[in-house]
Amino acid sequence: MIRLSLYTTQGCHLCTQLETLVATLANQRVWLHHIEIIDDAELVERYGTRIPVLVDSQGEELERGFELARLSAWLREHGWLNETALAALATPPDAAAPTGVHERSGRRFLG
């Protein structure tokens, strides 16, 4: 099990995005210890403009982990990256036209 700390605050949409990405990309279960910064002036000073910040058990911090390239590189460095999950996230969906589409005079119509 991967044990990480997440410096966060209530209503942080980037924190939620990071949590989802970590759970998706990790090659094993992840336990996140949420650390609310708003209750501590020192934490607000240190992390207020940097959240979300992910921290491993050795104290190594990852800022902007909601960026796929940064998070995947960090997880790979630690040996925690699920390469198959990363490939699925990084591959654009099939660009095939929806069923029932037809073209007339260069314009597409549904149905």
N, C-alpha and C. Protein backbone atom coordinates (compact mmCIF):
# COMPACT_ATOMS: atom_id res chain seq x y z
N MET A 1 0.84 -1.18 0.00
CA MET A 1 0.00 0.00 0.00
C MET A 1 0.89 1.24 0.00
N ILE A 2 0.51 2.20 -0.82
CA ILE A 2 1.23 3.47 -0.90
C ILE A 2 0.62 4.42 0.12
N ARG A 3 1.45 4.99 0.96
CA ARG A 3 0.99 5.95 1.97
C ARG A 3 1.51 7.33 1.61
N LEU A 4 0.58 8.25 1.39
CA LEU A 4 0.92 9.61 1.01
C LEU A 4 0.16 10.61 1.86
N SER A 5 0.70 11.81 1.96
CA SER A 5 -0.02 12.92 2.61
C SER A 5 -0.40 13.91 1.53
N LEU A 6 -1.53 14.54 1.72
CA LEU A 6 -2.02 15.54 0.77
C LEU A 6 -2.35 16.81 1.54
N TYR A 7 -1.59 17.87 1.27
CA TYR A 7 -1.90 19.18 1.85
C TYR A 7 -3.01 19.77 1.01
N THR A 8 -4.11 20.11 1.68
CA THR A 8 -5.33 20.48 0.98
C THR A 8 -6.12 21.49 1.80
N THR A 9 -7.23 21.92 1.25
CA THR A 9 -8.20 22.72 1.98
C THR A 9 -9.58 22.44 1.42
N GLN A 10 -10.59 22.73 2.19
CA GLN A 10 -11.97 22.44 1.80
C GLN A 10 -12.31 23.15 0.49
N GLY A 11 -12.94 22.43 -0.41
CA GLY A 11 -13.40 23.01 -1.67
C GLY A 11 -12.33 23.10 -2.74
N CYS A 12 -11.19 22.48 -2.54
CA CYS A 12 -10.09 22.54 -3.51
C CYS A 12 -10.37 21.55 -4.64
N HIS A 13 -10.80 22.07 -5.80
CA HIS A 13 -11.13 21.19 -6.92
C HIS A 13 -9.88 20.54 -7.52
N LEU A 14 -8.74 21.21 -7.44
CA LEU A 14 -7.50 20.62 -7.94
C LEU A 14 -7.07 19.45 -7.05
N CYS A 15 -7.36 19.55 -5.76
CA CYS A 15 -7.06 18.47 -4.84
C CYS A 15 -7.88 17.23 -5.18
N THR A 16 -9.14 17.44 -5.48
CA THR A 16 -10.03 16.34 -5.87
C THR A 16 -9.53 15.70 -7.17
N GLN A 17 -9.13 16.53 -8.11
CA GLN A 17 -8.59 16.04 -9.37
C GLN A 17 -7.34 15.20 -9.13
N LEU A 18 -6.46 15.68 -8.26
CA LEU A 18 -5.23 14.95 -7.94
C LEU A 18 -5.54 13.61 -7.29
N GLU A 19 -6.46 13.59 -6.35
CA GLU A 19 -6.84 12.34 -5.68
C GLU A 19 -7.31 11.30 -6.70
N THR A 20 -8.13 11.73 -7.63
CA THR A 20 -8.65 10.82 -8.66
C THR A 20 -7.52 10.29 -9.54
N LEU A 21 -6.62 11.17 -9.95
CA LEU A 21 -5.50 10.75 -10.78
C LEU A 21 -4.59 9.77 -10.06
N VAL A 22 -4.29 10.04 -8.80
CA VAL A 22 -3.42 9.14 -8.03
C VAL A 22 -4.06 7.76 -7.93
N ALA A 23 -5.34 7.71 -7.62
CA ALA A 23 -6.03 6.43 -7.49
C ALA A 23 -6.06 5.68 -8.83
N THR A 24 -6.16 6.40 -9.92
CA THR A 24 -6.22 5.80 -11.25
C THR A 24 -4.85 5.30 -11.70
N LEU A 25 -3.81 6.07 -11.43
CA LEU A 25 -2.48 5.76 -11.97
C LEU A 25 -1.61 4.88 -11.09
N ALA A 26 -1.94 4.74 -9.83
CA ALA A 26 -1.10 3.95 -8.92
C ALA A 26 -1.25 2.46 -9.22
N ASN A 27 -0.14 1.75 -9.07
CA ASN A 27 -0.15 0.30 -9.35
C ASN A 27 -0.52 -0.53 -8.12
N GLN A 28 -0.94 0.16 -7.06
CA GLN A 28 -1.41 -0.51 -5.84
C GLN A 28 -2.34 0.44 -5.09
N ARG A 29 -2.94 -0.05 -4.03
CA ARG A 29 -3.85 0.80 -3.26
C ARG A 29 -3.11 1.98 -2.67
N VAL A 30 -3.83 3.10 -2.56
CA VAL A 30 -3.24 4.33 -2.04
C VAL A 30 -4.02 4.76 -0.80
N TRP A 31 -3.30 5.09 0.25
CA TRP A 31 -3.90 5.65 1.45
C TRP A 31 -3.43 7.10 1.51
N LEU A 32 -4.39 8.03 1.51
CA LEU A 32 -4.07 9.46 1.56
C LEU A 32 -4.41 10.03 2.92
N HIS A 33 -3.43 10.64 3.55
CA HIS A 33 -3.64 11.36 4.81
C HIS A 33 -3.87 12.82 4.43
N HIS A 34 -5.09 13.30 4.60
CA HIS A 34 -5.43 14.68 4.25
C HIS A 34 -5.02 15.63 5.38
N ILE A 35 -4.24 16.63 5.02
CA ILE A 35 -3.82 17.62 6.00
C ILE A 35 -4.44 18.95 5.61
N GLU A 36 -5.39 19.39 6.44
CA GLU A 36 -6.10 20.65 6.21
C GLU A 36 -5.19 21.81 6.62
N ILE A 37 -4.87 22.68 5.67
CA ILE A 37 -3.92 23.76 5.96
C ILE A 37 -4.56 24.96 6.62
N ILE A 38 -5.84 25.16 6.46
CA ILE A 38 -6.50 26.39 6.90
C ILE A 38 -6.48 26.56 8.42
N ASP A 39 -6.32 25.46 9.15
CA ASP A 39 -6.33 25.52 10.61
C ASP A 39 -4.98 25.86 11.23
N ASP A 40 -3.96 26.06 10.40
CA ASP A 40 -2.61 26.30 10.90
C ASP A 40 -1.95 27.40 10.07
N ALA A 41 -1.66 28.53 10.71
CA ALA A 41 -1.10 29.70 10.01
C ALA A 41 0.22 29.35 9.31
N GLU A 42 1.03 28.52 9.93
CA GLU A 42 2.31 28.12 9.32
C GLU A 42 2.08 27.31 8.04
N LEU A 43 1.10 26.41 8.07
CA LEU A 43 0.79 25.62 6.88
C LEU A 43 0.20 26.50 5.78
N VAL A 44 -0.62 27.46 6.15
CA VAL A 44 -1.17 28.39 5.17
C VAL A 44 -0.04 29.17 4.50
N GLU A 45 0.91 29.62 5.31
CA GLU A 45 2.06 30.36 4.77
C GLU A 45 2.87 29.49 3.81
N ARG A 46 3.08 28.24 4.19
CA ARG A 46 3.93 27.35 3.40
C ARG A 46 3.24 26.79 2.17
N TYR A 47 1.94 26.43 2.30
CA TYR A 47 1.25 25.72 1.22
C TYR A 47 0.08 26.48 0.60
N GLY A 48 -0.26 27.64 1.14
CA GLY A 48 -1.46 28.35 0.71
C GLY A 48 -1.61 28.55 -0.78
N THR A 49 -0.54 28.87 -1.48
CA THR A 49 -0.61 29.09 -2.92
C THR A 49 -0.10 27.90 -3.71
N ARG A 50 0.25 26.82 -3.02
CA ARG A 50 0.84 25.66 -3.68
C ARG A 50 -0.06 24.43 -3.70
N ILE A 51 -1.15 24.42 -2.93
CA ILE A 51 -1.97 23.22 -2.86
C ILE A 51 -2.57 22.91 -4.23
N PRO A 52 -2.75 21.65 -4.50
CA PRO A 52 -2.47 20.49 -3.68
C PRO A 52 -0.98 20.11 -3.73
N VAL A 53 -0.47 19.68 -2.60
CA VAL A 53 0.90 19.18 -2.52
C VAL A 53 0.84 17.76 -1.97
N LEU A 54 1.40 16.85 -2.73
CA LEU A 54 1.45 15.44 -2.36
C LEU A 54 2.82 15.16 -1.77
N VAL A 55 2.87 14.41 -0.67
CA VAL A 55 4.13 14.14 0.02
C VAL A 55 4.25 12.64 0.30
N ASP A 56 5.42 12.09 -0.04
CA ASP A 56 5.64 10.66 0.24
C ASP A 56 6.15 10.48 1.66
N SER A 57 6.40 9.24 2.06
CA SER A 57 6.81 8.95 3.43
C SER A 57 8.21 9.46 3.75
N GLN A 58 8.99 9.80 2.74
CA GLN A 58 10.34 10.34 2.94
C GLN A 58 10.33 11.87 2.98
N GLY A 59 9.16 12.49 2.81
CA GLY A 59 9.04 13.94 2.84
C GLY A 59 9.22 14.61 1.49
N GLU A 60 9.37 13.83 0.43
CA GLU A 60 9.51 14.40 -0.91
C GLU A 60 8.16 14.94 -1.37
N GLU A 61 8.15 16.21 -1.78
CA GLU A 61 6.91 16.88 -2.16
C GLU A 61 6.74 16.91 -3.67
N LEU A 62 5.49 16.85 -4.10
CA LEU A 62 5.13 17.01 -5.50
C LEU A 62 4.09 18.12 -5.59
N GLU A 63 4.46 19.21 -6.24
CA GLU A 63 3.51 20.29 -6.51
C GLU A 63 2.91 20.08 -7.89
N ARG A 64 1.72 20.63 -8.09
CA ARG A 64 1.03 20.56 -9.38
C ARG A 64 0.89 19.11 -9.86
N GLY A 65 0.64 18.21 -8.95
CA GLY A 65 0.47 16.79 -9.28
C GLY A 65 -0.77 16.51 -10.10
N PHE A 66 -1.65 17.49 -10.21
CA PHE A 66 -2.84 17.33 -11.04
C PHE A 66 -2.47 17.36 -12.53
N GLU A 67 -1.22 17.76 -12.85
CA GLU A 67 -0.73 17.71 -14.23
C GLU A 67 -0.27 16.28 -14.50
N LEU A 68 -0.86 15.65 -15.48
CA LEU A 68 -0.63 14.23 -15.75
C LEU A 68 0.85 13.89 -15.92
N ALA A 69 1.59 14.69 -16.66
CA ALA A 69 3.01 14.40 -16.89
C ALA A 69 3.81 14.45 -15.60
N ARG A 70 3.54 15.44 -14.75
CA ARG A 70 4.28 15.57 -13.49
C ARG A 70 3.97 14.40 -12.56
N LEU A 71 2.69 14.09 -12.41
CA LEU A 71 2.31 13.01 -11.50
C LEU A 71 2.83 11.67 -11.99
N SER A 72 2.68 11.39 -13.27
CA SER A 72 3.12 10.09 -13.78
C SER A 72 4.64 9.94 -13.65
N ALA A 73 5.40 11.01 -13.88
CA ALA A 73 6.86 10.95 -13.71
C ALA A 73 7.22 10.68 -12.26
N TRP A 74 6.52 11.34 -11.32
CA TRP A 74 6.78 11.17 -9.89
C TRP A 74 6.45 9.74 -9.45
N LEU A 75 5.30 9.24 -9.90
CA LEU A 75 4.92 7.87 -9.55
C LEU A 75 5.89 6.87 -10.16
N ARG A 76 6.31 7.10 -11.40
CA ARG A 76 7.28 6.20 -12.06
C ARG A 76 8.59 6.18 -11.28
N GLU A 77 9.05 7.34 -10.88
CA GLU A 77 10.29 7.45 -10.11
C GLU A 77 10.24 6.63 -8.82
N HIS A 78 9.07 6.55 -8.23
CA HIS A 78 8.89 5.80 -6.98
C HIS A 78 8.56 4.32 -7.23
N GLY A 79 8.35 3.94 -8.49
CA GLY A 79 7.99 2.56 -8.80
C GLY A 79 6.52 2.26 -8.57
N TRP A 80 5.69 3.29 -8.57
CA TRP A 80 4.27 3.14 -8.26
C TRP A 80 3.35 3.35 -9.46
N LEU A 81 3.89 3.55 -10.64
CA LEU A 81 3.06 3.90 -11.80
C LEU A 81 2.51 2.68 -12.51
N ASN A 82 1.23 2.70 -12.78
CA ASN A 82 0.57 1.69 -13.60
C ASN A 82 0.63 2.21 -15.04
N GLU A 83 1.57 1.68 -15.82
CA GLU A 83 1.81 2.16 -17.18
C GLU A 83 0.59 1.96 -18.08
N THR A 84 -0.15 0.88 -17.86
CA THR A 84 -1.35 0.61 -18.66
C THR A 84 -2.40 1.69 -18.42
N ALA A 85 -2.59 2.07 -17.16
CA ALA A 85 -3.55 3.13 -16.84
C ALA A 85 -3.12 4.46 -17.43
N LEU A 86 -1.82 4.74 -17.39
CA LEU A 86 -1.32 5.98 -17.99
C LEU A 86 -1.57 5.99 -19.49
N ALA A 87 -1.30 4.89 -20.16
CA ALA A 87 -1.53 4.81 -21.60
C ALA A 87 -3.00 5.04 -21.93
N ALA A 88 -3.88 4.48 -21.12
CA ALA A 88 -5.33 4.66 -21.36
C ALA A 88 -5.74 6.12 -21.19
N LEU A 89 -5.16 6.81 -20.21
CA LEU A 89 -5.48 8.22 -20.00
C LEU A 89 -4.88 9.12 -21.08
N ALA A 90 -3.70 8.76 -21.56
CA ALA A 90 -2.98 9.60 -22.51
C ALA A 90 -3.42 9.38 -23.95
N THR A 91 -4.14 8.29 -24.22
CA THR A 91 -4.58 8.00 -25.58
C THR A 91 -5.91 8.68 -25.84
N PRO A 92 -5.98 9.50 -26.91
CA PRO A 92 -7.25 10.16 -27.21
C PRO A 92 -8.30 9.14 -27.63
N PRO A 93 -9.55 9.45 -27.35
CA PRO A 93 -10.62 8.52 -27.74
C PRO A 93 -10.68 8.38 -29.26
N ASP A 94 -11.24 7.29 -29.70
CA ASP A 94 -11.40 7.05 -31.14
C ASP A 94 -12.19 8.18 -31.76
N ALA A 95 -11.70 8.71 -32.85
CA ALA A 95 -12.33 9.85 -33.50
C ALA A 95 -13.35 9.45 -34.56
N ALA A 96 -13.83 8.24 -34.48
CA ALA A 96 -14.82 7.78 -35.45
C ALA A 96 -16.10 8.60 -35.34
N ALA A 97 -16.72 8.81 -36.48
CA ALA A 97 -17.97 9.58 -36.51
C ALA A 97 -19.07 8.82 -35.78
N PRO A 98 -19.96 9.53 -35.10
CA PRO A 98 -21.08 8.87 -34.42
C PRO A 98 -21.95 8.10 -35.41
N THR A 99 -22.59 7.05 -34.92
CA THR A 99 -23.48 6.26 -35.75
C THR A 99 -24.64 7.14 -36.23
N GLY A 100 -25.01 6.95 -37.50
CA GLY A 100 -26.13 7.71 -38.05
C GLY A 100 -25.73 9.03 -38.67
N VAL A 101 -24.45 9.28 -38.79
CA VAL A 101 -23.97 10.53 -39.37
C VAL A 101 -23.88 10.39 -40.88
N HIS A 102 -24.31 11.43 -41.57
CA HIS A 102 -24.12 11.46 -43.02
C HIS A 102 -23.67 12.85 -43.44
N GLU A 103 -23.01 12.91 -44.59
CA GLU A 103 -22.52 14.18 -45.09
C GLU A 103 -23.28 14.58 -46.35
N ARG A 104 -23.52 15.88 -46.44
CA ARG A 104 -24.15 16.43 -47.62
C ARG A 104 -23.52 17.81 -47.86
N SER A 105 -22.97 17.99 -49.01
CA SER A 105 -22.33 19.27 -49.38
C SER A 105 -21.23 19.65 -48.38
N GLY A 106 -20.49 18.65 -47.90
CA GLY A 106 -19.39 18.92 -46.99
C GLY A 106 -19.79 19.18 -45.55
N ARG A 107 -21.07 19.08 -45.24
CA ARG A 107 -21.53 19.30 -43.85
C ARG A 107 -22.02 17.98 -43.27
N ARG A 108 -21.82 17.80 -41.98
CA ARG A 108 -22.25 16.56 -41.30
C ARG A 108 -23.60 16.76 -40.64
N PHE A 109 -24.40 15.73 -40.74
CA PHE A 109 -25.73 15.74 -40.13
C PHE A 109 -25.93 14.45 -39.36
N LEU A 110 -26.62 14.54 -38.22
CA LEU A 110 -26.95 13.37 -37.41
C LEU A 110 -28.33 12.86 -37.80
N GLY A 111 -28.49 11.53 -37.72
CA GLY A 111 -29.81 10.94 -37.88
C GLY A 111 -30.21 10.58 -39.24
